[in-house]
Structure formats: structure tokens, C-alpha cells
């Protein structure tokens, strides 16, 4: 089955930086037995609180019958560094955390991400590490690693598409950021 994964929009209630976040967005897809598929890094500009639609940011991938759909997305504030310097380690950490939870038998195969408690602790730890290491407000503000089991994916694609929104809170030495992200998976 061929699917398109896209990030539709995000809302900022509180920026990570004092005034504006310089946000970049990217999606990774993990095809069965293959190398990750990466979207472009989408610069969103200098943003304050508000709603932001993301135009033309997606990846297409083939999901073999009986296999999980696995993808992740991230938004980083990166006004002082190249965005890939923040995105690459963040995607690696998201994947490691999801694999660790998966190996412990924690169930997140119903189309949900890492779970709010684990996610909050992960972002808090990454946020403090970035603040300490960089002495600026650059770092992750939202992101998730999502595993969708074959039965759930089939249900979603029978309906044509499926969308979810998730809230992210990051406590840092700068400001405590609050973001909501909406993503969609659709059959193509």
C-alpha cells in the first residue's frame, strides 16, 4: 500500500525563545528493510504564538502488506545553528527511545506516539541538554516517532486518510514552549 505522510500545521501557545522561534520542520519515514526517507527541511521562519499551516511538506512511501507504518517528525527552533545540526540528533534520539520502549513491550502500535509522560521527560532532558551545551534557546520543540500496526493502518486507509494532533510541552532554561502539531496519513 502506498501512503503519503504529511505535517499539516502546528500551533504555538508559547515559544521556546524569549520572543520568536526560528522553526524548521522535517519528516522521516522508515520503510521495511530500507533506508530512511527524509523530506526536505522546511524553514518556517521567525514565528511567535499563533497557527501555522505547512504547505507541501510530505513523504510518500510503500508499506508492504502486514508491515507496520513507521515514521517520525520533528520541529526545532534553530536560529543560531544549521537546522540539520539540531534535527539529526533529535531524530536519532526519537528512534532510540521508541525502540527501547518497544523492546520493553510497551504498546504504542495503535497509531499513538511515545506517550505523554515519556515524551515530556524526553523533551525536558533534551531541552536542558541543548540549553547547557549551546547556551542559547535552540533545540527541539515538538516531535514524535510513530508506529502504526497493519490492522490500524488498514482501518485508516479504508477511510481514505487519518489525522491526529498532539500537544508538546518543553521545559527549558529559556522559555517553556507549548506546541500542538497536526499530521495526516493518506492512501495514494
C-alpha atoms as a PDB file:
ATOM      1  CA  UNK A   1       0.000   0.000   0.000  1.00  0.00           C
ATOM      2  CA  UNK A   2       1.339   3.431  -0.914  1.00  0.00           C
ATOM      3  CA  UNK A   3       0.815   6.193   1.661  1.00  0.00           C
ATOM      4  CA  UNK A   4       1.576   9.893   1.986  1.00  0.00           C
ATOM      5  CA  UNK A   5       2.608  11.254   5.379  1.00  0.00           C
ATOM      6  CA  UNK A   6       2.357  14.979   5.897  1.00  0.00           C
ATOM      7  CA  UNK A   7       2.566  17.528   8.647  1.00  0.00           C
ATOM      8  CA  UNK A   8      -0.444  19.796   8.142  1.00  0.00           C
ATOM      9  CA  UNK A   9       0.050  22.541  10.695  1.00  0.00           C
ATOM     10  CA  UNK A  10       1.205  23.500  14.134  1.00  0.00           C
ATOM     11  CA  UNK A  11       0.079  25.965  16.764  1.00  0.00           C
ATOM     12  CA  UNK A  12       2.390  27.775  19.136  1.00  0.00           C
ATOM     13  CA  UNK A  13       0.985  28.816  22.501  1.00  0.00           C
ATOM     14  CA  UNK A  14       4.418  29.689  23.949  1.00  0.00           C
ATOM     15  CA  UNK A  15       7.711  29.990  22.069  1.00  0.00           C
ATOM     16  CA  UNK A  16      10.924  28.400  23.320  1.00  0.00           C
ATOM     17  CA  UNK A  17      12.867  31.627  22.716  1.00  0.00           C
ATOM     18  CA  UNK A  18      12.061  34.831  24.518  1.00  0.00           C
ATOM     19  CA  UNK A  19      10.285  36.435  21.551  1.00  0.00           C
ATOM     20  CA  UNK A  20      10.258  34.313  18.377  1.00  0.00           C
ATOM     21  CA  UNK A  21      11.255  30.778  17.420  1.00  0.00           C
ATOM     22  CA  UNK A  22      13.076  30.202  14.129  1.00  0.00           C
ATOM     23  CA  UNK A  23      11.391  26.906  13.297  1.00  0.00           C
ATOM     24  CA  UNK A  24      12.320  24.133  10.877  1.00  0.00           C
ATOM     25  CA  UNK A  25      10.220  21.008  10.224  1.00  0.00           C
ATOM     26  CA  UNK A  26      11.169  17.605   8.803  1.00  0.00           C
ATOM     27  CA  UNK A  27       9.594  14.148   8.379  1.00  0.00           C
ATOM     28  CA  UNK A  28      11.342  10.756   8.290  1.00  0.00           C
ATOM     29  CA  UNK A  29       9.750   7.549   7.035  1.00  0.00           C
ATOM     30  CA  UNK A  30      11.229   4.151   7.856  1.00  0.00           C
ATOM     31  CA  UNK A  31      10.340   1.674   5.078  1.00  0.00           C
ATOM     32  CA  UNK A  32      10.578  -2.019   5.907  1.00  0.00           C
ATOM     33  CA  UNK A  33      14.130  -3.175   5.228  1.00  0.00           C
ATOM     34  CA  UNK A  34      15.232   0.124   3.705  1.00  0.00           C
ATOM     35  CA  UNK A  35      16.999   3.368   4.438  1.00  0.00           C
ATOM     36  CA  UNK A  36      15.004   6.246   5.963  1.00  0.00           C
ATOM     37  CA  UNK A  37      13.142   8.507   3.557  1.00  0.00           C
ATOM     38  CA  UNK A  38      13.623  12.145   4.522  1.00  0.00           C
ATOM     39  CA  UNK A  39      11.558  15.121   3.497  1.00  0.00           C
ATOM     40  CA  UNK A  40      13.222  18.397   2.814  1.00  0.00           C
ATOM     41  CA  UNK A  41      13.957  20.550   5.851  1.00  0.00           C
ATOM     42  CA  UNK A  42      11.160  23.119   5.694  1.00  0.00           C
ATOM     43  CA  UNK A  43      12.082  26.577   7.047  1.00  0.00           C
ATOM     44  CA  UNK A  44       9.036  28.186   8.650  1.00  0.00           C
ATOM     45  CA  UNK A  45      10.687  31.492   9.550  1.00  0.00           C
ATOM     46  CA  UNK A  46      10.681  33.556  12.731  1.00  0.00           C
ATOM     47  CA  UNK A  47       7.406  32.768  14.475  1.00  0.00           C
ATOM     48  CA  UNK A  48       5.578  33.974  17.537  1.00  0.00           C
ATOM     49  CA  UNK A  49       2.438  32.494  19.076  1.00  0.00           C
ATOM     50  CA  UNK A  50      -0.205  31.532  16.512  1.00  0.00           C
ATOM     51  CA  UNK A  51      -1.377  28.991  13.927  1.00  0.00           C
ATOM     52  CA  UNK A  52       0.926  27.966  11.058  1.00  0.00           C
ATOM     53  CA  UNK A  53      -0.065  25.849   8.057  1.00  0.00           C
ATOM     54  CA  UNK A  54       2.727  23.820   6.493  1.00  0.00           C
ATOM     55  CA  UNK A  55       2.497  23.779   2.720  1.00  0.00           C
ATOM     56  CA  UNK A  56       3.903  20.879   0.672  1.00  0.00           C
ATOM     57  CA  UNK A  57       5.837  19.017   3.350  1.00  0.00           C
ATOM     58  CA  UNK A  58       5.306  15.275   2.910  1.00  0.00           C
ATOM     59  CA  UNK A  59       6.893  11.952   2.078  1.00  0.00           C
ATOM     60  CA  UNK A  60       5.439   9.061   0.078  1.00  0.00           C
ATOM     61  CA  UNK A  61       6.330   5.507   0.945  1.00  0.00           C
ATOM     62  CA  UNK A  62       5.319   1.936   0.246  1.00  0.00           C
ATOM     63  CA  UNK A  63       4.135  -0.138   3.224  1.00  0.00           C
ATOM     64  CA  UNK A  64       4.173  -3.874   2.403  1.00  0.00           C
ATOM     65  CA  UNK A  65       1.126  -5.928   3.386  1.00  0.00           C
ATOM     66  CA  UNK A  66       1.373  -6.999   7.030  1.00  0.00           C
ATOM     67  CA  UNK A  67       4.110  -4.489   7.935  1.00  0.00           C
ATOM     68  CA  UNK A  68       3.973  -1.554  10.349  1.00  0.00           C
ATOM     69  CA  UNK A  69       3.953   2.020   9.110  1.00  0.00           C
ATOM     70  CA  UNK A  70       6.808   3.762  10.920  1.00  0.00           C
ATOM     71  CA  UNK A  71       7.505   7.489  10.703  1.00  0.00           C
ATOM     72  CA  UNK A  72       8.682  10.416  12.769  1.00  0.00           C
ATOM     73  CA  UNK A  73       8.574  14.174  12.573  1.00  0.00           C
ATOM     74  CA  UNK A  74      10.326  16.998  14.345  1.00  0.00           C
ATOM     75  CA  UNK A  75      10.158  20.747  14.744  1.00  0.00           C
ATOM     76  CA  UNK A  76      13.244  22.512  16.043  1.00  0.00           C
ATOM     77  CA  UNK A  77      13.949  26.102  16.932  1.00  0.00           C
ATOM     78  CA  UNK A  78      17.290  26.788  15.266  1.00  0.00           C
ATOM     79  CA  UNK A  79      18.013  30.482  14.898  1.00  0.00           C
ATOM     80  CA  UNK A  80      21.687  30.190  15.878  1.00  0.00           C
ATOM     81  CA  UNK A  81      22.713  26.913  14.212  1.00  0.00           C
ATOM     82  CA  UNK A  82      22.181  24.991  10.982  1.00  0.00           C
ATOM     83  CA  UNK A  83      18.842  23.180  11.376  1.00  0.00           C
ATOM     84  CA  UNK A  84      20.274  19.769  10.462  1.00  0.00           C
ATOM     85  CA  UNK A  85      22.631  20.097  13.471  1.00  0.00           C
ATOM     86  CA  UNK A  86      19.515  20.016  15.678  1.00  0.00           C
ATOM     87  CA  UNK A  87      17.305  17.694  13.608  1.00  0.00           C
ATOM     88  CA  UNK A  88      19.665  14.751  13.013  1.00  0.00           C
ATOM     89  CA  UNK A  89      20.463  14.037  16.690  1.00  0.00           C
ATOM     90  CA  UNK A  90      16.830  14.619  17.632  1.00  0.00           C
ATOM     91  CA  UNK A  91      15.575  12.036  15.092  1.00  0.00           C
ATOM     92  CA  UNK A  92      18.214   9.586  16.341  1.00  0.00           C
ATOM     93  CA  UNK A  93      17.087  10.088  19.932  1.00  0.00           C
ATOM     94  CA  UNK A  94      13.402   9.706  18.996  1.00  0.00           C
ATOM     95  CA  UNK A  95      14.139   6.403  17.257  1.00  0.00           C
ATOM     96  CA  UNK A  96      16.290   5.090  20.138  1.00  0.00           C
ATOM     97  CA  UNK A  97      13.614   5.969  22.689  1.00  0.00           C
ATOM     98  CA  UNK A  98      10.868   4.289  20.639  1.00  0.00           C
ATOM     99  CA  UNK A  99      12.969   1.148  20.124  1.00  0.00           C
ATOM    100  CA  UNK A 100      13.727   0.997  23.850  1.00  0.00           C
ATOM    101  CA  UNK A 101      10.026   1.298  24.721  1.00  0.00           C
ATOM    102  CA  UNK A 102       9.184  -1.296  22.059  1.00  0.00           C
ATOM    103  CA  UNK A 103      11.757  -3.765  23.445  1.00  0.00           C
ATOM    104  CA  UNK A 104      10.231  -3.332  26.929  1.00  0.00           C
ATOM    105  CA  UNK A 105       6.884  -4.398  25.486  1.00  0.00           C
ATOM    106  CA  UNK A 106       5.185  -1.033  25.859  1.00  0.00           C
ATOM    107  CA  UNK A 107       2.294  -0.803  23.429  1.00  0.00           C
ATOM    108  CA  UNK A 108       2.309   2.181  21.127  1.00  0.00           C
ATOM    109  CA  UNK A 109       1.184   0.389  17.990  1.00  0.00           C
ATOM    110  CA  UNK A 110      -2.307   1.840  17.805  1.00  0.00           C
ATOM    111  CA  UNK A 111      -1.248   4.968  15.958  1.00  0.00           C
ATOM    112  CA  UNK A 112      -0.021   6.799  19.025  1.00  0.00           C
ATOM    113  CA  UNK A 113       3.435   8.101  19.665  1.00  0.00           C
ATOM    114  CA  UNK A 114       5.703   7.742  22.641  1.00  0.00           C
ATOM    115  CA  UNK A 115       3.114   8.716  25.215  1.00  0.00           C
ATOM    116  CA  UNK A 116       2.800  11.998  27.037  1.00  0.00           C
ATOM    117  CA  UNK A 117       4.731  11.125  30.204  1.00  0.00           C
ATOM    118  CA  UNK A 118       7.710   9.578  28.444  1.00  0.00           C
ATOM    119  CA  UNK A 119       7.643  12.273  25.785  1.00  0.00           C
ATOM    120  CA  UNK A 120       7.603  15.072  28.359  1.00  0.00           C
ATOM    121  CA  UNK A 121      10.591  13.569  30.163  1.00  0.00           C
ATOM    122  CA  UNK A 122      12.467  13.084  26.880  1.00  0.00           C
ATOM    123  CA  UNK A 123      11.866  16.656  25.711  1.00  0.00           C
ATOM    124  CA  UNK A 124      12.719  18.023  29.147  1.00  0.00           C
ATOM    125  CA  UNK A 125      16.021  16.146  29.169  1.00  0.00           C
ATOM    126  CA  UNK A 126      16.868  17.097  25.582  1.00  0.00           C
ATOM    127  CA  UNK A 127      15.870  20.711  26.190  1.00  0.00           C
ATOM    128  CA  UNK A 128      18.093  21.039  29.240  1.00  0.00           C
ATOM    129  CA  UNK A 129      20.972  19.315  27.437  1.00  0.00           C
ATOM    130  CA  UNK A 130      20.671  21.652  24.438  1.00  0.00           C
ATOM    131  CA  UNK A 131      20.461  24.725  26.680  1.00  0.00           C
ATOM    132  CA  UNK A 132      23.531  23.674  28.621  1.00  0.00           C
ATOM    133  CA  UNK A 133      25.541  22.713  25.538  1.00  0.00           C
ATOM    134  CA  UNK A 134      24.638  25.651  23.315  1.00  0.00           C
ATOM    135  CA  UNK A 135      23.889  28.445  25.777  1.00  0.00           C
ATOM    136  CA  UNK A 136      21.069  29.620  23.533  1.00  0.00           C
ATOM    137  CA  UNK A 137      17.415  28.713  23.055  1.00  0.00           C
ATOM    138  CA  UNK A 138      17.869  26.448  20.018  1.00  0.00           C
ATOM    139  CA  UNK A 139      16.548  22.912  20.277  1.00  0.00           C
ATOM    140  CA  UNK A 140      13.529  20.647  19.794  1.00  0.00           C
ATOM    141  CA  UNK A 141      10.032  21.963  20.402  1.00  0.00           C
ATOM    142  CA  UNK A 142       7.932  19.073  19.039  1.00  0.00           C
ATOM    143  CA  UNK A 143       8.388  15.649  17.517  1.00  0.00           C
ATOM    144  CA  UNK A 144       7.325  12.058  17.671  1.00  0.00           C
ATOM    145  CA  UNK A 145       8.163   8.547  16.459  1.00  0.00           C
ATOM    146  CA  UNK A 146       5.009   6.720  15.441  1.00  0.00           C
ATOM    147  CA  UNK A 147       4.466   3.025  14.786  1.00  0.00           C
ATOM    148  CA  UNK A 148       1.123   2.042  13.271  1.00  0.00           C
ATOM    149  CA  UNK A 149       0.282  -1.652  13.215  1.00  0.00           C
ATOM    150  CA  UNK A 150      -1.072  -3.216   9.995  1.00  0.00           C
ATOM    151  CA  UNK A 151      -4.668  -3.546  11.279  1.00  0.00           C
ATOM    152  CA  UNK A 152      -4.861   0.085  12.350  1.00  0.00           C
ATOM    153  CA  UNK A 153      -3.273   1.246   9.088  1.00  0.00           C
ATOM    154  CA  UNK A 154      -5.830  -0.783   7.118  1.00  0.00           C
ATOM    155  CA  UNK A 155      -8.687   0.845   9.053  1.00  0.00           C
ATOM    156  CA  UNK A 156      -7.238   4.291   8.444  1.00  0.00           C
ATOM    157  CA  UNK A 157      -6.745   3.697   4.721  1.00  0.00           C
ATOM    158  CA  UNK A 158     -10.230   2.208   4.301  1.00  0.00           C
ATOM    159  CA  UNK A 159     -11.427   5.643   5.406  1.00  0.00           C
ATOM    160  CA  UNK A 160      -9.016   7.274   2.923  1.00  0.00           C
ATOM    161  CA  UNK A 161      -6.924   9.104   5.496  1.00  0.00           C
ATOM    162  CA  UNK A 162      -6.319   9.621   9.209  1.00  0.00           C
ATOM    163  CA  UNK A 163      -5.248  12.761  11.094  1.00  0.00           C
ATOM    164  CA  UNK A 164      -4.105  13.300  14.669  1.00  0.00           C
ATOM    165  CA  UNK A 165      -2.988  16.251  16.751  1.00  0.00           C
ATOM    166  CA  UNK A 166      -0.584  16.127  19.660  1.00  0.00           C
ATOM    167  CA  UNK A 167       0.478  18.623  22.304  1.00  0.00           C
ATOM    168  CA  UNK A 168       4.151  19.134  23.228  1.00  0.00           C
ATOM    169  CA  UNK A 169       5.437  20.953  26.297  1.00  0.00           C
ATOM    170  CA  UNK A 170       9.163  21.614  26.647  1.00  0.00           C
ATOM    171  CA  UNK A 171      10.617  22.997  29.871  1.00  0.00           C
ATOM    172  CA  UNK A 172      13.996  24.664  29.302  1.00  0.00           C
ATOM    173  CA  UNK A 173      16.347  27.260  30.744  1.00  0.00           C
ATOM    174  CA  UNK A 174      14.817  29.658  28.226  1.00  0.00           C
ATOM    175  CA  UNK A 175      11.023  29.700  27.989  1.00  0.00           C
ATOM    176  CA  UNK A 176       8.712  26.737  28.491  1.00  0.00           C
ATOM    177  CA  UNK A 177       7.366  26.077  24.984  1.00  0.00           C
ATOM    178  CA  UNK A 178       3.904  24.777  24.102  1.00  0.00           C
ATOM    179  CA  UNK A 179       3.211  23.460  20.608  1.00  0.00           C
ATOM    180  CA  UNK A 180       0.379  21.454  19.021  1.00  0.00           C
ATOM    181  CA  UNK A 181       1.130  19.532  15.811  1.00  0.00           C
ATOM    182  CA  UNK A 182      -1.366  18.022  13.343  1.00  0.00           C
ATOM    183  CA  UNK A 183      -0.282  15.226  10.990  1.00  0.00           C
ATOM    184  CA  UNK A 184      -2.096  13.128   8.384  1.00  0.00           C
ATOM    185  CA  UNK A 185      -1.544   9.759   6.717  1.00  0.00           C
ATOM    186  CA  UNK A 186      -3.454   9.195   3.485  1.00  0.00           C
ATOM    187  CA  UNK A 187      -3.656   6.463   0.888  1.00  0.00           C
ATOM    188  CA  UNK A 188      -2.315   7.412  -2.550  1.00  0.00           C
END
